[in-house]
Amino acid sequence: MGERISDNPTKPELAILKLLWRSTDLSARQIHTDITEQFDWSYSTVRTVLERMTDKGLVSKTPIDGVNIYEAEVGKVALLGRMISDFSKRVLELDGAPTAAFFANSKLLSEDELLETALSKWEDE
């Protein structure tokens, strides 16, 4: 996945990424159906956000049978690690991010992803 984004995603963009991390690839219509309750957006707003996310390198789109299919272009562990590190430095004024154990009960990260996070931190030391 191309990790070329420079800014952290907005709350709606992160919600869309979470959908794509769970389902791999979805159409704008499927994404709209899944997040309409959370954001109360029109279908055209979802498409606008997806286009902005494509421009930012967060997602890619592939036309299949006349429908654009979106896929996350940024890895979950890499993005969350970067966001946590940024938050730790800016808000908590810590030199390093919390350890993977901090996220042990998270629904967002699987055991394999927690292990990957722990191993990457260990390799960096």
N, C-alpha and C. Protein backbone atom coordinates (compact mmCIF):
# COMPACT_ATOMS: atom_id res chain seq x y z
N MET A 1 0.83 -1.18 0.00
CA MET A 1 0.00 0.00 0.00
C MET A 1 0.87 1.24 0.00
N GLY A 2 0.49 2.26 -0.73
CA GLY A 2 1.28 3.47 -0.83
C GLY A 2 1.06 4.41 0.33
N GLU A 3 1.99 4.51 1.23
CA GLU A 3 1.88 5.33 2.42
C GLU A 3 2.35 6.76 2.12
N ARG A 4 1.67 7.49 1.24
CA ARG A 4 2.15 8.81 0.82
C ARG A 4 1.34 9.95 1.42
N ILE A 5 0.45 9.69 2.34
CA ILE A 5 -0.35 10.77 2.90
C ILE A 5 0.48 11.59 3.86
N SER A 6 0.17 12.88 3.94
CA SER A 6 0.94 13.75 4.81
C SER A 6 0.17 14.19 6.04
N ASP A 7 -1.14 14.24 5.97
CA ASP A 7 -1.96 14.66 7.10
C ASP A 7 -2.78 13.48 7.62
N ASN A 8 -3.13 13.56 8.90
CA ASN A 8 -3.99 12.54 9.46
C ASN A 8 -5.38 12.68 8.84
N PRO A 9 -6.08 11.57 8.65
CA PRO A 9 -7.42 11.65 8.07
C PRO A 9 -8.39 12.32 9.03
N THR A 10 -9.42 12.93 8.47
CA THR A 10 -10.48 13.51 9.27
C THR A 10 -11.31 12.39 9.87
N LYS A 11 -12.20 12.72 10.80
CA LYS A 11 -13.06 11.70 11.42
C LYS A 11 -13.88 10.94 10.37
N PRO A 12 -14.53 11.62 9.43
CA PRO A 12 -15.27 10.88 8.39
C PRO A 12 -14.36 10.01 7.51
N GLU A 13 -13.18 10.54 7.18
CA GLU A 13 -12.25 9.76 6.36
C GLU A 13 -11.80 8.51 7.12
N LEU A 14 -11.56 8.64 8.40
CA LEU A 14 -11.16 7.48 9.21
C LEU A 14 -12.29 6.46 9.28
N ALA A 15 -13.54 6.93 9.37
CA ALA A 15 -14.68 6.02 9.39
C ALA A 15 -14.76 5.23 8.08
N ILE A 16 -14.50 5.89 6.97
CA ILE A 16 -14.51 5.21 5.67
C ILE A 16 -13.35 4.22 5.59
N LEU A 17 -12.18 4.62 6.06
CA LEU A 17 -11.04 3.70 6.06
C LEU A 17 -11.34 2.46 6.90
N LYS A 18 -11.98 2.63 8.04
CA LYS A 18 -12.33 1.48 8.88
C LYS A 18 -13.23 0.51 8.12
N LEU A 19 -14.19 1.06 7.38
CA LEU A 19 -15.06 0.20 6.55
C LEU A 19 -14.24 -0.57 5.52
N LEU A 20 -13.32 0.14 4.87
CA LEU A 20 -12.52 -0.49 3.82
C LEU A 20 -11.52 -1.49 4.39
N TRP A 21 -11.01 -1.25 5.59
CA TRP A 21 -10.11 -2.22 6.22
C TRP A 21 -10.85 -3.50 6.55
N ARG A 22 -12.13 -3.38 6.90
CA ARG A 22 -12.94 -4.57 7.23
C ARG A 22 -13.41 -5.30 5.97
N SER A 23 -13.79 -4.55 4.95
CA SER A 23 -14.44 -5.15 3.78
C SER A 23 -13.58 -5.15 2.52
N THR A 24 -12.38 -4.65 2.59
CA THR A 24 -11.41 -4.59 1.51
C THR A 24 -11.80 -3.60 0.42
N ASP A 25 -12.84 -3.86 -0.34
CA ASP A 25 -13.21 -2.95 -1.40
C ASP A 25 -14.73 -2.82 -1.47
N LEU A 26 -15.18 -1.56 -1.61
CA LEU A 26 -16.60 -1.25 -1.62
C LEU A 26 -16.90 -0.16 -2.64
N SER A 27 -18.12 -0.12 -3.10
CA SER A 27 -18.56 0.96 -3.98
C SER A 27 -18.98 2.15 -3.11
N ALA A 28 -19.10 3.31 -3.74
CA ALA A 28 -19.55 4.50 -3.02
C ALA A 28 -20.94 4.27 -2.43
N ARG A 29 -21.78 3.56 -3.15
CA ARG A 29 -23.14 3.27 -2.67
C ARG A 29 -23.09 2.42 -1.41
N GLN A 30 -22.23 1.40 -1.39
CA GLN A 30 -22.09 0.54 -0.20
C GLN A 30 -21.55 1.34 0.99
N ILE A 31 -20.58 2.21 0.72
CA ILE A 31 -20.01 3.04 1.79
C ILE A 31 -21.09 3.98 2.32
N HIS A 32 -21.85 4.59 1.42
CA HIS A 32 -22.94 5.48 1.83
C HIS A 32 -23.93 4.75 2.73
N THR A 33 -24.31 3.56 2.35
CA THR A 33 -25.26 2.78 3.15
C THR A 33 -24.71 2.51 4.55
N ASP A 34 -23.42 2.21 4.63
CA ASP A 34 -22.82 1.87 5.92
C ASP A 34 -22.61 3.07 6.84
N ILE A 35 -22.36 4.26 6.29
CA ILE A 35 -22.06 5.40 7.17
C ILE A 35 -23.18 6.43 7.25
N THR A 36 -24.28 6.21 6.53
CA THR A 36 -25.36 7.21 6.50
C THR A 36 -25.91 7.49 7.90
N GLU A 37 -26.01 6.49 8.73
CA GLU A 37 -26.54 6.69 10.09
C GLU A 37 -25.57 7.52 10.93
N GLN A 38 -24.29 7.28 10.75
CA GLN A 38 -23.27 7.97 11.54
C GLN A 38 -23.11 9.44 11.14
N PHE A 39 -23.17 9.74 9.84
CA PHE A 39 -22.89 11.09 9.37
C PHE A 39 -24.07 11.79 8.70
N ASP A 40 -25.13 11.06 8.39
CA ASP A 40 -26.32 11.64 7.76
C ASP A 40 -25.95 12.43 6.50
N TRP A 41 -25.13 11.82 5.65
CA TRP A 41 -24.68 12.45 4.43
C TRP A 41 -25.52 12.00 3.24
N SER A 42 -25.55 12.87 2.24
CA SER A 42 -26.16 12.47 0.97
C SER A 42 -25.14 11.61 0.22
N TYR A 43 -25.63 10.91 -0.77
CA TYR A 43 -24.75 10.08 -1.59
C TYR A 43 -23.68 10.93 -2.28
N SER A 44 -24.07 12.12 -2.74
CA SER A 44 -23.10 12.98 -3.44
C SER A 44 -22.01 13.46 -2.48
N THR A 45 -22.32 13.66 -1.22
CA THR A 45 -21.31 14.05 -0.24
C THR A 45 -20.31 12.92 -0.05
N VAL A 46 -20.79 11.69 0.03
CA VAL A 46 -19.91 10.53 0.17
C VAL A 46 -18.96 10.46 -1.03
N ARG A 47 -19.50 10.66 -2.22
CA ARG A 47 -18.65 10.62 -3.42
C ARG A 47 -17.60 11.73 -3.41
N THR A 48 -17.97 12.92 -2.93
CA THR A 48 -17.02 14.02 -2.83
C THR A 48 -15.90 13.69 -1.84
N VAL A 49 -16.26 13.14 -0.69
CA VAL A 49 -15.26 12.76 0.32
C VAL A 49 -14.34 11.67 -0.25
N LEU A 50 -14.91 10.69 -0.96
CA LEU A 50 -14.10 9.63 -1.56
C LEU A 50 -13.12 10.20 -2.61
N GLU A 51 -13.56 11.17 -3.38
CA GLU A 51 -12.67 11.79 -4.36
C GLU A 51 -11.53 12.52 -3.66
N ARG A 52 -11.85 13.24 -2.58
CA ARG A 52 -10.82 13.93 -1.80
C ARG A 52 -9.84 12.92 -1.21
N MET A 53 -10.37 11.79 -0.71
CA MET A 53 -9.51 10.75 -0.14
C MET A 53 -8.62 10.12 -1.22
N THR A 54 -9.14 10.00 -2.42
CA THR A 54 -8.35 9.49 -3.54
C THR A 54 -7.21 10.45 -3.84
N ASP A 55 -7.52 11.74 -3.88
CA ASP A 55 -6.50 12.76 -4.14
C ASP A 55 -5.42 12.77 -3.06
N LYS A 56 -5.80 12.49 -1.82
CA LYS A 56 -4.86 12.48 -0.70
C LYS A 56 -4.05 11.18 -0.63
N GLY A 57 -4.43 10.18 -1.43
CA GLY A 57 -3.72 8.91 -1.40
C GLY A 57 -4.21 7.96 -0.32
N LEU A 58 -5.35 8.26 0.29
CA LEU A 58 -5.89 7.38 1.33
C LEU A 58 -6.58 6.15 0.73
N VAL A 59 -7.23 6.34 -0.41
CA VAL A 59 -7.93 5.25 -1.09
C VAL A 59 -7.60 5.28 -2.57
N SER A 60 -7.82 4.14 -3.21
CA SER A 60 -7.71 4.07 -4.67
C SER A 60 -9.08 3.68 -5.20
N LYS A 61 -9.33 4.02 -6.45
CA LYS A 61 -10.60 3.61 -7.06
C LYS A 61 -10.31 2.89 -8.37
N THR A 62 -11.09 1.86 -8.59
CA THR A 62 -10.97 1.06 -9.79
C THR A 62 -12.36 0.91 -10.39
N PRO A 63 -12.54 1.35 -11.65
CA PRO A 63 -13.85 1.16 -12.27
C PRO A 63 -14.06 -0.31 -12.66
N ILE A 64 -15.15 -0.88 -12.19
CA ILE A 64 -15.51 -2.26 -12.52
C ILE A 64 -16.97 -2.25 -12.96
N ASP A 65 -17.22 -2.63 -14.20
CA ASP A 65 -18.57 -2.66 -14.76
C ASP A 65 -19.32 -1.34 -14.55
N GLY A 66 -18.63 -0.22 -14.75
CA GLY A 66 -19.27 1.08 -14.65
C GLY A 66 -19.42 1.62 -13.22
N VAL A 67 -18.90 0.89 -12.23
CA VAL A 67 -19.00 1.32 -10.83
C VAL A 67 -17.59 1.46 -10.28
N ASN A 68 -17.32 2.58 -9.61
CA ASN A 68 -16.02 2.74 -8.97
C ASN A 68 -15.97 1.94 -7.68
N ILE A 69 -14.95 1.13 -7.55
CA ILE A 69 -14.73 0.34 -6.34
C ILE A 69 -13.54 0.96 -5.61
N TYR A 70 -13.73 1.24 -4.32
CA TYR A 70 -12.70 1.89 -3.52
C TYR A 70 -12.01 0.90 -2.60
N GLU A 71 -10.71 1.11 -2.44
CA GLU A 71 -9.89 0.25 -1.59
C GLU A 71 -8.94 1.14 -0.79
N ALA A 72 -8.70 0.78 0.46
CA ALA A 72 -7.76 1.54 1.29
C ALA A 72 -6.36 1.44 0.70
N GLU A 73 -5.69 2.58 0.62
CA GLU A 73 -4.31 2.62 0.12
C GLU A 73 -3.31 2.79 1.25
N VAL A 74 -3.80 2.96 2.44
CA VAL A 74 -2.94 3.14 3.59
C VAL A 74 -3.22 1.99 4.56
N GLY A 75 -2.17 1.40 5.08
CA GLY A 75 -2.32 0.28 5.99
C GLY A 75 -2.82 0.72 7.35
N LYS A 76 -3.66 -0.10 7.95
CA LYS A 76 -4.26 0.21 9.24
C LYS A 76 -3.20 0.40 10.32
N VAL A 77 -2.30 -0.55 10.46
CA VAL A 77 -1.30 -0.49 11.53
C VAL A 77 -0.39 0.72 11.33
N ALA A 78 0.05 0.96 10.10
CA ALA A 78 0.95 2.09 9.82
C ALA A 78 0.27 3.42 10.11
N LEU A 79 -0.96 3.58 9.65
CA LEU A 79 -1.67 4.84 9.86
C LEU A 79 -1.97 5.06 11.33
N LEU A 80 -2.50 4.05 12.00
CA LEU A 80 -2.82 4.20 13.42
C LEU A 80 -1.57 4.47 14.24
N GLY A 81 -0.49 3.80 13.89
CA GLY A 81 0.77 4.03 14.59
C GLY A 81 1.24 5.47 14.44
N ARG A 82 1.13 6.00 13.21
CA ARG A 82 1.52 7.37 12.96
C ARG A 82 0.62 8.35 13.70
N MET A 83 -0.70 8.08 13.71
CA MET A 83 -1.64 8.96 14.41
C MET A 83 -1.40 8.94 15.92
N ILE A 84 -1.13 7.77 16.46
CA ILE A 84 -0.89 7.63 17.90
C ILE A 84 0.41 8.33 18.27
N SER A 85 1.42 8.16 17.46
CA SER A 85 2.70 8.81 17.71
C SER A 85 2.55 10.33 17.67
N ASP A 86 1.82 10.83 16.69
CA ASP A 86 1.58 12.26 16.56
C ASP A 86 0.82 12.78 17.78
N PHE A 87 -0.23 12.08 18.19
CA PHE A 87 -1.02 12.47 19.37
C PHE A 87 -0.16 12.45 20.62
N SER A 88 0.66 11.41 20.77
CA SER A 88 1.52 11.28 21.94
C SER A 88 2.48 12.46 22.06
N LYS A 89 3.03 12.89 20.92
CA LYS A 89 3.98 14.00 20.94
C LYS A 89 3.29 15.35 21.14
N ARG A 90 2.23 15.59 20.35
CA ARG A 90 1.59 16.91 20.38
C ARG A 90 0.74 17.14 21.63
N VAL A 91 -0.03 16.13 22.03
CA VAL A 91 -0.99 16.32 23.11
C VAL A 91 -0.44 15.85 24.46
N LEU A 92 0.09 14.66 24.49
CA LEU A 92 0.58 14.10 25.75
C LEU A 92 2.01 14.50 26.08
N GLU A 93 2.70 15.09 25.09
CA GLU A 93 4.09 15.51 25.24
C GLU A 93 5.00 14.35 25.68
N LEU A 94 4.77 13.19 25.06
CA LEU A 94 5.59 12.01 25.30
C LEU A 94 6.64 11.90 24.20
N ASP A 95 7.78 11.30 24.53
CA ASP A 95 8.81 11.09 23.52
C ASP A 95 8.49 9.94 22.59
N GLY A 96 7.73 8.96 23.06
CA GLY A 96 7.38 7.81 22.25
C GLY A 96 5.91 7.48 22.37
N ALA A 97 5.41 6.70 21.44
CA ALA A 97 4.01 6.29 21.46
C ALA A 97 3.80 5.22 22.52
N PRO A 98 2.57 5.06 23.00
CA PRO A 98 2.27 3.97 23.94
C PRO A 98 2.59 2.62 23.30
N THR A 99 2.86 1.63 24.11
CA THR A 99 3.20 0.32 23.59
C THR A 99 1.96 -0.37 23.04
N ALA A 100 2.18 -1.44 22.30
CA ALA A 100 1.08 -2.20 21.71
C ALA A 100 0.15 -2.75 22.78
N ALA A 101 0.66 -3.01 23.97
CA ALA A 101 -0.17 -3.54 25.06
C ALA A 101 -1.31 -2.58 25.40
N PHE A 102 -1.08 -1.28 25.18
CA PHE A 102 -2.10 -0.27 25.43
C PHE A 102 -3.37 -0.54 24.62
N PHE A 103 -3.21 -1.19 23.45
CA PHE A 103 -4.33 -1.42 22.54
C PHE A 103 -4.81 -2.86 22.54
N ALA A 104 -4.44 -3.61 23.54
CA ALA A 104 -4.74 -5.04 23.59
C ALA A 104 -6.24 -5.33 23.51
N ASN A 105 -7.08 -4.48 24.05
CA ASN A 105 -8.53 -4.72 24.03
C ASN A 105 -9.25 -3.96 22.92
N SER A 106 -8.51 -3.40 21.99
CA SER A 106 -9.10 -2.66 20.89
C SER A 106 -9.80 -3.59 19.92
N LYS A 107 -10.97 -3.19 19.45
CA LYS A 107 -11.69 -3.95 18.43
C LYS A 107 -11.12 -3.70 17.04
N LEU A 108 -10.33 -2.63 16.92
CA LEU A 108 -9.83 -2.24 15.62
C LEU A 108 -8.61 -3.04 15.18
N LEU A 109 -7.79 -3.49 16.14
CA LEU A 109 -6.58 -4.24 15.80
C LEU A 109 -6.72 -5.70 16.18
N SER A 110 -6.35 -6.58 15.26
CA SER A 110 -6.35 -8.01 15.54
C SER A 110 -5.09 -8.37 16.31
N GLU A 111 -5.03 -9.59 16.82
CA GLU A 111 -3.82 -10.04 17.52
C GLU A 111 -2.60 -9.97 16.61
N ASP A 112 -2.76 -10.36 15.35
CA ASP A 112 -1.64 -10.30 14.41
C ASP A 112 -1.16 -8.86 14.20
N GLU A 113 -2.11 -7.93 14.12
CA GLU A 113 -1.74 -6.53 13.93
C GLU A 113 -1.06 -5.96 15.17
N LEU A 114 -1.51 -6.36 16.36
CA LEU A 114 -0.84 -5.95 17.59
C LEU A 114 0.58 -6.48 17.62
N LEU A 115 0.74 -7.73 17.20
CA LEU A 115 2.07 -8.33 17.15
C LEU A 115 2.96 -7.58 16.15
N GLU A 116 2.39 -7.25 14.98
CA GLU A 116 3.13 -6.50 13.97
C GLU A 116 3.58 -5.15 14.53
N THR A 117 2.70 -4.47 15.28
CA THR A 117 3.03 -3.19 15.89
C THR A 117 4.15 -3.35 16.89
N ALA A 118 4.06 -4.37 17.73
CA ALA A 118 5.09 -4.60 18.74
C ALA A 118 6.43 -4.93 18.09
N LEU A 119 6.40 -5.76 17.05
CA LEU A 119 7.64 -6.14 16.38
C LEU A 119 8.28 -4.95 15.68
N SER A 120 7.47 -4.09 15.04
CA SER A 120 8.05 -2.94 14.34
C SER A 120 8.67 -1.98 15.35
N LYS A 121 8.06 -1.82 16.50
CA LYS A 121 8.63 -0.96 17.54
C LYS A 121 9.95 -1.55 18.04
N TRP A 122 9.99 -2.86 18.23
CA TRP A 122 11.19 -3.55 18.69
C TRP A 122 12.31 -3.42 17.66
N GLU A 123 11.96 -3.54 16.36
CA GLU A 123 12.96 -3.44 15.30
C GLU A 123 13.54 -2.04 15.20
N ASP A 124 12.73 -1.02 15.56
CA ASP A 124 13.18 0.37 15.49
C ASP A 124 14.19 0.71 16.59
N GLU A 125 14.21 -0.06 17.65
CA GLU A 125 15.09 0.24 18.79
C GLU A 125 16.50 -0.21 18.56
